[in-house]
Amino acid sequence: MIASITTIFTGFFSLIFSKSTLVAKSGEVSNSSIYDMKLKLNNGDLISLSKFKGKKLMFVNVASRCGFTSQYKKLQQLYEKKNDVLEIIAIPCNDFGRQEPGSAEDIKKFCELNYKVTFTIADKQNIKSRTRSELYNWLSDPALNGWNDQLPSWNFCKYLIDENGELTHFFKSNVDPVGEKIFPLI
């Protein structure tokens, strides 16, 4: 109970008092390739991220019971407009306020029924624990990605990877997926 309350307050203050967008400086490049990773999907399949070479990637930690859950609609709009150059990969996570308690099947049904999601949904992952996923280790370790040390502070944080596999941006939860900070970058 105390851990949940602490998580909620930490996320809230992070949204209010920290920058909503972080951008890689020119010349900052990763020391290891995101394309070397494999990702377990919501349906149990394993895919290589190298499948997406040449496209931008957006990783979004998602939750079905969050105040930002309506962003699924905007993520789907973005995907429908830009799926020729962008792959969105939703990463369900129950680490923030326990707002994604469902099974893989529950999450899939929720996304399809409520938001008609057609973009990729990965298997649920840990972000905050010591058993953090390989993906979130890469996204938050400057020794791997070249510059960023930020983990999501709450649900619906977004990481943008360019066509060459370089992490270029980190967006907090409150950044609109089809707004002026993201849409022009795609």
Protein backbone atom coordinates (compact mmCIF):
# COMPACT_ATOMS: atom_id res chain seq x y z
CA MET A 1 0.00 0.00 0.00
CA ILE A 2 2.73 2.48 0.96
CA ALA A 3 4.73 1.53 -2.15
CA SER A 4 1.69 2.24 -4.35
CA ILE A 5 1.12 5.63 -2.74
CA THR A 6 4.81 6.50 -3.12
CA THR A 7 4.70 5.50 -6.80
CA ILE A 8 1.65 7.68 -7.43
CA PHE A 9 3.17 10.75 -5.74
CA THR A 10 6.53 10.27 -7.46
CA GLY A 11 4.86 10.00 -10.87
CA PHE A 12 2.64 13.03 -10.22
CA PHE A 13 5.52 15.27 -9.13
CA SER A 14 7.67 14.09 -12.01
CA LEU A 15 4.96 15.07 -14.49
CA ILE A 16 4.61 18.52 -12.99
CA PHE A 17 8.20 19.46 -12.19
CA SER A 18 10.38 17.84 -14.85
CA LYS A 19 10.87 18.43 -18.57
CA SER A 20 8.24 16.76 -20.70
CA THR A 21 10.63 16.08 -23.58
CA LEU A 22 14.29 15.06 -23.65
CA VAL A 23 16.20 15.13 -26.93
CA ALA A 24 19.51 13.54 -27.90
CA LYS A 25 22.26 16.02 -28.70
CA SER A 26 23.84 15.90 -32.13
CA GLY A 27 26.47 13.18 -32.36
CA GLU A 28 25.15 11.10 -29.44
CA VAL A 29 24.89 7.54 -30.70
CA SER A 30 24.19 4.20 -29.09
CA ASN A 31 26.95 1.87 -28.04
CA SER A 32 24.86 -1.23 -28.72
CA SER A 33 22.14 -1.83 -31.25
CA ILE A 34 18.48 -2.02 -30.32
CA TYR A 35 18.16 -4.27 -33.36
CA ASP A 36 20.06 -7.02 -31.53
CA MET A 37 17.12 -7.45 -29.15
CA LYS A 38 14.15 -9.76 -29.37
CA LEU A 39 10.81 -8.89 -27.86
CA LYS A 40 8.11 -11.21 -26.62
CA LEU A 41 4.74 -10.16 -27.96
CA ASN A 42 1.38 -10.22 -26.21
CA ASN A 43 0.44 -13.39 -28.12
CA GLY A 44 3.60 -15.21 -26.95
CA ASP A 45 5.51 -14.88 -30.24
CA LEU A 46 9.10 -13.64 -30.19
CA ILE A 47 10.16 -11.02 -32.74
CA SER A 48 13.51 -9.48 -33.54
CA LEU A 49 13.52 -5.70 -33.44
CA SER A 50 15.72 -5.86 -36.55
CA LYS A 51 12.44 -6.50 -38.37
CA PHE A 52 11.79 -2.75 -38.04
CA LYS A 53 15.08 -1.46 -39.52
CA GLY A 54 14.35 1.54 -41.72
CA LYS A 55 11.25 2.55 -39.72
CA LYS A 56 10.95 4.78 -36.69
CA LEU A 57 9.96 2.96 -33.51
CA MET A 58 7.94 4.34 -30.64
CA PHE A 59 7.90 2.37 -27.41
CA VAL A 60 5.09 3.32 -25.01
CA ASN A 61 4.58 1.82 -21.57
CA VAL A 62 0.82 1.37 -21.31
CA ALA A 63 -1.84 0.55 -18.75
CA SER A 64 -5.57 -0.09 -19.10
CA ARG A 65 -6.68 1.65 -15.90
CA CYS A 66 -4.72 4.91 -16.10
CA GLY A 67 -5.84 8.49 -16.55
CA PHE A 68 -3.75 8.52 -19.75
CA THR A 69 -5.33 5.34 -21.17
CA SER A 70 -7.30 7.41 -23.67
CA GLN A 71 -3.97 8.00 -25.43
CA TYR A 72 -4.49 4.59 -27.03
CA LYS A 73 -6.94 6.38 -29.36
CA LYS A 74 -4.34 8.96 -30.41
CA LEU A 75 -1.62 6.33 -30.72
CA GLN A 76 -3.90 4.40 -33.07
CA GLN A 77 -4.59 7.59 -35.07
CA LEU A 78 -0.85 8.21 -35.36
CA TYR A 79 -0.26 4.63 -36.43
CA GLU A 80 -2.98 4.75 -39.07
CA LYS A 81 -1.49 7.92 -40.56
CA LYS A 82 2.19 6.94 -40.34
CA ASN A 83 2.44 3.11 -40.27
CA ASP A 84 4.47 3.17 -43.47
CA VAL A 85 7.32 4.90 -41.59
CA LEU A 86 6.51 4.18 -37.91
CA GLU A 87 5.96 1.12 -35.76
CA ILE A 88 4.37 1.71 -32.36
CA ILE A 89 5.07 -0.93 -29.75
CA ALA A 90 2.91 -0.81 -26.63
CA ILE A 91 4.60 -2.29 -23.55
CA PRO A 92 2.01 -3.16 -20.88
CA CYS A 93 3.33 -2.54 -17.38
CA ASN A 94 1.79 -2.89 -13.93
CA ASP A 95 4.56 -0.97 -12.11
CA PHE A 96 2.80 2.40 -11.87
CA GLY A 97 -0.20 2.39 -9.55
CA ARG A 98 -0.92 -1.25 -10.44
CA GLN A 99 -2.99 0.01 -13.36
CA GLU A 100 -2.34 -2.95 -15.69
CA PRO A 101 -3.30 -6.04 -13.65
CA GLY A 102 -4.83 -8.05 -16.50
CA SER A 103 -3.53 -11.08 -18.35
CA ALA A 104 -2.12 -10.91 -21.87
CA GLU A 105 -5.53 -11.91 -23.25
CA ASP A 106 -7.33 -9.30 -21.08
CA ILE A 107 -4.99 -6.56 -22.35
CA LYS A 108 -5.40 -7.60 -25.99
CA LYS A 109 -9.21 -7.67 -25.73
CA PHE A 110 -9.27 -4.32 -23.93
CA CYS A 111 -7.15 -2.65 -26.63
CA GLU A 112 -9.07 -4.15 -29.54
CA LEU A 113 -12.55 -3.56 -28.14
CA ASN A 114 -12.07 -0.08 -26.73
CA TYR A 115 -9.51 1.47 -29.09
CA LYS A 116 -9.36 -0.84 -32.15
CA VAL A 117 -5.57 -1.05 -31.69
CA THR A 118 -3.73 -2.55 -34.65
CA PHE A 119 -0.17 -1.62 -33.66
CA THR A 120 2.14 -4.08 -31.90
CA ILE A 121 1.46 -5.01 -28.28
CA ALA A 122 4.30 -6.65 -26.39
CA ASP A 123 4.10 -8.93 -23.38
CA LYS A 124 3.83 -7.24 -19.99
CA GLN A 125 7.24 -6.07 -18.71
CA ASN A 126 8.82 -4.80 -15.52
CA ILE A 127 10.28 -1.32 -15.67
CA LYS A 128 10.98 -0.25 -12.09
CA SER A 129 12.17 -3.50 -10.53
CA ARG A 130 15.64 -5.01 -10.46
CA THR A 131 14.32 -7.53 -12.97
CA ARG A 132 13.84 -4.74 -15.48
CA SER A 133 13.41 -5.92 -19.06
CA GLU A 134 16.30 -5.89 -21.55
CA LEU A 135 14.42 -3.26 -23.57
CA TYR A 136 14.06 -0.84 -20.65
CA ASN A 137 17.66 -1.44 -19.64
CA TRP A 138 18.68 -0.27 -23.12
CA LEU A 139 16.24 2.67 -23.21
CA SER A 140 17.41 4.03 -19.83
CA ASP A 141 21.17 3.31 -19.83
CA PRO A 142 23.40 5.93 -21.50
CA ALA A 143 26.17 3.33 -21.76
CA LEU A 144 23.86 1.41 -24.12
CA ASN A 145 21.66 4.02 -25.86
CA GLY A 146 24.24 6.84 -25.98
CA TRP A 147 22.59 9.51 -23.82
CA ASN A 148 19.33 8.83 -21.99
CA ASP A 149 19.09 7.75 -18.34
CA GLN A 150 15.35 8.29 -17.88
CA LEU A 151 12.95 5.50 -17.05
CA PRO A 152 9.22 6.19 -17.34
CA SER A 153 7.91 8.11 -14.36
CA TRP A 154 4.36 6.96 -15.07
CA ASN A 155 2.28 5.13 -17.68
CA PHE A 156 2.30 6.32 -21.31
CA CYS A 157 5.86 7.64 -21.48
CA LYS A 158 7.20 7.40 -25.02
CA TYR A 159 10.64 6.67 -26.49
CA LEU A 160 11.28 7.51 -30.15
CA ILE A 161 13.92 5.59 -32.11
CA ASP A 162 14.95 6.81 -35.57
CA GLU A 163 15.23 4.74 -38.76
CA ASN A 164 18.84 3.85 -37.90
CA GLY A 165 18.03 2.48 -34.46
CA GLU A 166 19.14 5.55 -32.48
CA LEU A 167 17.14 6.80 -29.51
CA THR A 168 16.30 10.41 -30.34
CA HIS A 169 13.57 11.48 -27.88
CA PHE A 170 11.98 10.65 -24.55
CA PHE A 171 8.49 12.04 -23.89
CA LYS A 172 6.66 12.08 -20.57
CA SER A 173 3.12 10.78 -20.20
CA ASN A 174 1.45 14.13 -20.74
CA VAL A 175 2.90 14.61 -24.25
CA ASP A 176 0.17 14.14 -26.86
CA PRO A 177 1.05 11.38 -29.39
CA VAL A 178 -0.43 13.41 -32.26
CA GLY A 179 0.53 16.83 -30.91
CA GLU A 180 3.15 19.31 -32.04
CA LYS A 181 6.00 17.70 -30.08
CA ILE A 182 5.70 14.25 -31.70
CA PHE A 183 3.77 14.32 -34.98
CA PRO A 184 6.25 16.52 -36.92
CA LEU A 185 9.10 14.15 -35.97
CA ILE A 186 7.51 11.17 -37.70
